[in-house]
C-alpha atoms as a PDB file:
ATOM      1  CA  MET A   1     297.495 139.624 253.651  1.00  0.00           C
ATOM      2  CA  GLU A   2     296.159 136.570 255.480  1.00  0.00           C
ATOM      3  CA  ILE A   3     294.328 134.375 252.941  1.00  0.00           C
ATOM      4  CA  LEU A   4     291.663 132.136 254.491  1.00  0.00           C
ATOM      5  CA  SER A   5     290.542 130.415 251.291  1.00  0.00           C
ATOM      6  CA  SER A   6     291.165 130.791 247.582  1.00  0.00           C
ATOM      7  CA  ARG A   7     290.133 129.545 244.178  1.00  0.00           C
ATOM      8  CA  VAL A   8     290.804 130.089 240.513  1.00  0.00           C
ATOM      9  CA  LEU A   9     287.760 131.450 238.646  1.00  0.00           C
ATOM     10  CA  ILE A  10     287.111 130.565 235.030  1.00  0.00           C
ATOM     11  CA  ARG A  11     284.542 132.549 233.051  1.00  0.00           C
ATOM     12  CA  PRO A  12     284.042 130.274 230.026  1.00  0.00           C
ATOM     13  CA  SER A  13     282.637 131.176 226.623  1.00  0.00           C
ATOM     14  CA  ASP A  14     280.453 128.022 226.794  1.00  0.00           C
ATOM     15  CA  PRO A  15     279.610 127.321 230.472  1.00  0.00           C
ATOM     16  CA  ALA A  16     277.798 124.011 229.816  1.00  0.00           C
ATOM     17  CA  ALA A  17     280.720 122.625 227.796  1.00  0.00           C
ATOM     18  CA  SER A  18     283.195 123.702 230.486  1.00  0.00           C
ATOM     19  CA  ARG A  19     281.107 122.140 233.278  1.00  0.00           C
ATOM     20  CA  ARG A  20     280.936 118.865 231.322  1.00  0.00           C
ATOM     21  CA  PHE A  21     284.676 118.961 230.609  1.00  0.00           C
ATOM     22  CA  TYR A  22     285.775 119.488 234.210  1.00  0.00           C
ATOM     23  CA  ARG A  23     283.105 117.213 235.728  1.00  0.00           C
ATOM     24  CA  ASP A  24     282.783 114.403 233.180  1.00  0.00           C
ATOM     25  CA  VAL A  25     286.015 114.358 231.177  1.00  0.00           C
ATOM     26  CA  LEU A  26     288.543 115.270 233.865  1.00  0.00           C
ATOM     27  CA  GLY A  27     286.363 113.733 236.589  1.00  0.00           C
ATOM     28  CA  LEU A  28     286.801 116.549 239.118  1.00  0.00           C
ATOM     29  CA  ALA A  29     284.625 116.171 242.210  1.00  0.00           C
ATOM     30  CA  ILE A  30     282.095 118.942 242.851  1.00  0.00           C
ATOM     31  CA  TYR A  31     282.645 121.006 245.995  1.00  0.00           C
ATOM     32  CA  ARG A  32     279.432 123.027 245.566  1.00  0.00           C
ATOM     33  CA  GLU A  33     276.892 124.264 243.046  1.00  0.00           C
ATOM     34  CA  PHE A  34     275.057 127.579 243.123  1.00  0.00           C
ATOM     35  CA  GLY A  35     272.920 129.834 240.980  1.00  0.00           C
ATOM     36  CA  ASP A  36     270.360 128.808 238.380  1.00  0.00           C
ATOM     37  CA  PRO A  37     269.588 125.074 238.792  1.00  0.00           C
ATOM     38  CA  ALA A  38     269.140 124.771 235.010  1.00  0.00           C
ATOM     39  CA  SER A  39     272.651 126.142 234.409  1.00  0.00           C
ATOM     40  CA  PRO A  40     274.476 126.055 237.736  1.00  0.00           C
ATOM     41  CA  SER A  41     277.827 127.528 238.546  1.00  0.00           C
ATOM     42  CA  MET A  42     280.135 124.849 239.932  1.00  0.00           C
ATOM     43  CA  VAL A  43     283.135 124.823 242.207  1.00  0.00           C
ATOM     44  CA  PHE A  44     285.354 121.767 241.793  1.00  0.00           C
ATOM     45  CA  PHE A  45     288.015 120.298 244.049  1.00  0.00           C
ATOM     46  CA  LEU A  46     291.364 120.846 242.350  1.00  0.00           C
ATOM     47  CA  GLY A  47     293.968 119.049 244.421  1.00  0.00           C
ATOM     48  CA  ASN A  48     294.882 121.488 247.190  1.00  0.00           C
ATOM     49  CA  GLY A  49     292.740 124.226 245.631  1.00  0.00           C
ATOM     50  CA  LEU A  50     289.371 124.967 244.114  1.00  0.00           C
ATOM     51  CA  LEU A  51     288.290 125.766 240.552  1.00  0.00           C
ATOM     52  CA  GLU A  52     285.082 127.760 240.042  1.00  0.00           C
ATOM     53  CA  VAL A  53     283.347 127.659 236.643  1.00  0.00           C
ATOM     54  CA  SER A  54     280.742 130.437 236.619  1.00  0.00           C
ATOM     55  CA  GLY A  55     279.434 133.291 234.527  1.00  0.00           C
ATOM     56  CA  THR A  56     280.668 133.800 231.004  1.00  0.00           C
ATOM     57  CA  LYS A  57     283.807 135.309 229.562  1.00  0.00           C
ATOM     58  CA  GLU A  58     281.953 138.410 228.363  1.00  0.00           C
ATOM     59  CA  ASP A  59     280.210 139.009 231.712  1.00  0.00           C
ATOM     60  CA  ILE A  60     283.202 139.977 233.771  1.00  0.00           C
ATOM     61  CA  ASP A  61     286.667 139.771 232.249  1.00  0.00           C
ATOM     62  CA  PRO A  62     287.600 139.151 228.623  1.00  0.00           C
ATOM     63  CA  ARG A  63     290.591 137.096 229.787  1.00  0.00           C
ATOM     64  CA  GLY A  64     288.153 134.666 231.416  1.00  0.00           C
ATOM     65  CA  VAL A  65     290.422 133.918 234.430  1.00  0.00           C
ATOM     66  CA  SER A  66     290.657 135.583 237.829  1.00  0.00           C
ATOM     67  CA  LEU A  67     291.657 134.772 241.392  1.00  0.00           C
ATOM     68  CA  TRP A  68     289.308 134.684 244.397  1.00  0.00           C
ATOM     69  CA  LEU A  69     290.966 135.374 247.748  1.00  0.00           C
ATOM     70  CA  GLN A  70     289.024 135.261 251.015  1.00  0.00           C
ATOM     71  CA  VAL A  71     290.203 137.560 253.810  1.00  0.00           C
ATOM     72  CA  ARG A  72     288.919 138.400 257.287  1.00  0.00           C
ATOM     73  CA  ASP A  73     288.359 142.139 256.706  1.00  0.00           C
ATOM     74  CA  VAL A  74     288.018 143.615 253.206  1.00  0.00           C
ATOM     75  CA  ALA A  75     287.991 147.217 254.475  1.00  0.00           C
ATOM     76  CA  ALA A  76     291.318 146.726 256.271  1.00  0.00           C
ATOM     77  CA  GLU A  77     292.804 145.165 253.129  1.00  0.00           C
ATOM     78  CA  GLN A  78     291.504 148.061 251.036  1.00  0.00           C
ATOM     79  CA  GLN A  79     293.367 150.500 253.272  1.00  0.00           C
ATOM     80  CA  ARG A  80     296.528 148.389 253.324  1.00  0.00           C
ATOM     81  CA  LEU A  81     296.523 147.931 249.527  1.00  0.00           C
ATOM     82  CA  THR A  82     295.787 151.612 248.880  1.00  0.00           C
ATOM     83  CA  ASP A  83     298.670 152.561 251.189  1.00  0.00           C
ATOM     84  CA  ALA A  84     300.883 150.189 249.159  1.00  0.00           C
ATOM     85  CA  GLY A  85     299.918 151.970 245.929  1.00  0.00           C
ATOM     86  CA  VAL A  86     297.600 149.300 244.545  1.00  0.00           C
ATOM     87  CA  GLN A  87     294.785 150.638 242.381  1.00  0.00           C
ATOM     88  CA  ILE A  88     291.379 149.533 243.665  1.00  0.00           C
ATOM     89  CA  LEU A  89     289.345 148.669 240.562  1.00  0.00           C
ATOM     90  CA  ARG A  90     286.129 148.404 242.542  1.00  0.00           C
ATOM     91  CA  ALA A  91     285.647 149.389 246.174  1.00  0.00           C
ATOM     92  CA  PRO A  92     284.209 146.824 248.600  1.00  0.00           C
ATOM     93  CA  LYS A  93     280.536 146.160 247.950  1.00  0.00           C
ATOM     94  CA  GLN A  94     278.114 143.595 249.318  1.00  0.00           C
ATOM     95  CA  GLU A  95     276.870 141.512 246.392  1.00  0.00           C
ATOM     96  CA  PHE A  96     273.299 140.257 246.130  1.00  0.00           C
ATOM     97  CA  TRP A  97     274.600 136.765 246.992  1.00  0.00           C
ATOM     98  CA  GLY A  98     275.804 138.162 250.322  1.00  0.00           C
ATOM     99  CA  LEU A  99     279.590 138.274 249.965  1.00  0.00           C
ATOM    100  CA  ILE A 100     281.538 141.510 250.290  1.00  0.00           C
ATOM    101  CA  GLU A 101     283.852 141.855 247.280  1.00  0.00           C
ATOM    102  CA  MET A 102     286.572 144.268 246.208  1.00  0.00           C
ATOM    103  CA  TRP A 103     288.461 144.038 242.915  1.00  0.00           C
ATOM    104  CA  ILE A 104     292.113 144.725 242.184  1.00  0.00           C
ATOM    105  CA  ALA A 105     294.449 143.476 239.427  1.00  0.00           C
ATOM    106  CA  ASP A 106     297.953 142.094 239.274  1.00  0.00           C
ATOM    107  CA  PRO A 107     300.641 143.788 237.130  1.00  0.00           C
ATOM    108  CA  ASP A 108     299.461 141.845 234.053  1.00  0.00           C
ATOM    109  CA  GLY A 109     295.841 142.910 234.541  1.00  0.00           C
ATOM    110  CA  ILE A 110     294.551 139.591 235.917  1.00  0.00           C
ATOM    111  CA  LYS A 111     291.586 140.414 238.127  1.00  0.00           C
ATOM    112  CA  ILE A 112     291.816 139.478 241.801  1.00  0.00           C
ATOM    113  CA  VAL A 113     288.592 139.385 243.810  1.00  0.00           C
ATOM    114  CA  ILE A 114     289.198 140.057 247.510  1.00  0.00           C
ATOM    115  CA  VAL A 115     286.262 138.532 249.421  1.00  0.00           C
ATOM    116  CA  GLN A 116     284.919 138.724 252.945  1.00  0.00           C
ATOM    117  CA  ILE A 117     282.237 136.280 254.051  1.00  0.00           C
ATOM    118  CA  PRO A 118     279.939 138.028 256.567  1.00  0.00           C
ATOM    119  CA  ASP A 119     279.313 136.237 259.870  1.00  0.00           C
ATOM    120  CA  ASP A 120     275.640 135.630 258.999  1.00  0.00           C
ATOM    121  CA  HIS A 121     276.288 134.222 255.484  1.00  0.00           C
ATOM    122  CA  PRO A 122     275.241 130.576 254.799  1.00  0.00           C
ATOM    123  CA  LEU A 123     278.854 129.697 253.899  1.00  0.00           C
ATOM    124  CA  ARG A 124     279.670 130.257 257.583  1.00  0.00           C
ATOM    125  CA  ARG A 125     277.065 127.754 258.796  1.00  0.00           C
ATOM    126  CA  ASP A 126     277.450 123.992 258.977  1.00  0.00           C
ATOM    127  CA  GLN A 127     274.802 122.974 256.444  1.00  0.00           C
ATOM    128  CA  ARG A 128     274.692 119.412 257.848  1.00  0.00           C
ATOM    129  CA  ASN A 129     272.775 120.655 260.898  1.00  0.00           C
ATOM    130  CA  LEU A 130     270.030 122.443 258.952  1.00  0.00           C
ATOM    131  CA  THR A 131     266.695 120.757 258.439  1.00  0.00           C
ATOM    132  CA  SER A 132     264.489 121.363 255.431  1.00  0.00           C
END
């Protein structure tokens, strides 16, 4: 699997407290914010990686931690992983935020989100050249 980008996802029980901790206490720089401006999800620079603090623990996974792996072609990875005997927890689906996501899990049950960013998605455009 060729990984183009990755991040660790944390689904905290108290999102505001976690945002403050990573931003203000640890002093991590913000890579991007998204979602509700009153309670934004944040992606922080984490050395050579990224840390996303979004959603809540109860929303997605009771463990509260998952991996986000960007690939070129989710459908091809679905076939390759199925052929390798990996259980697909959720088939590829385009989310309302525009990314195509498929879910699998590692042997310990940690969720892995396999993501494809469509060619027309804003993450593919250089935002510096857009005018308001």
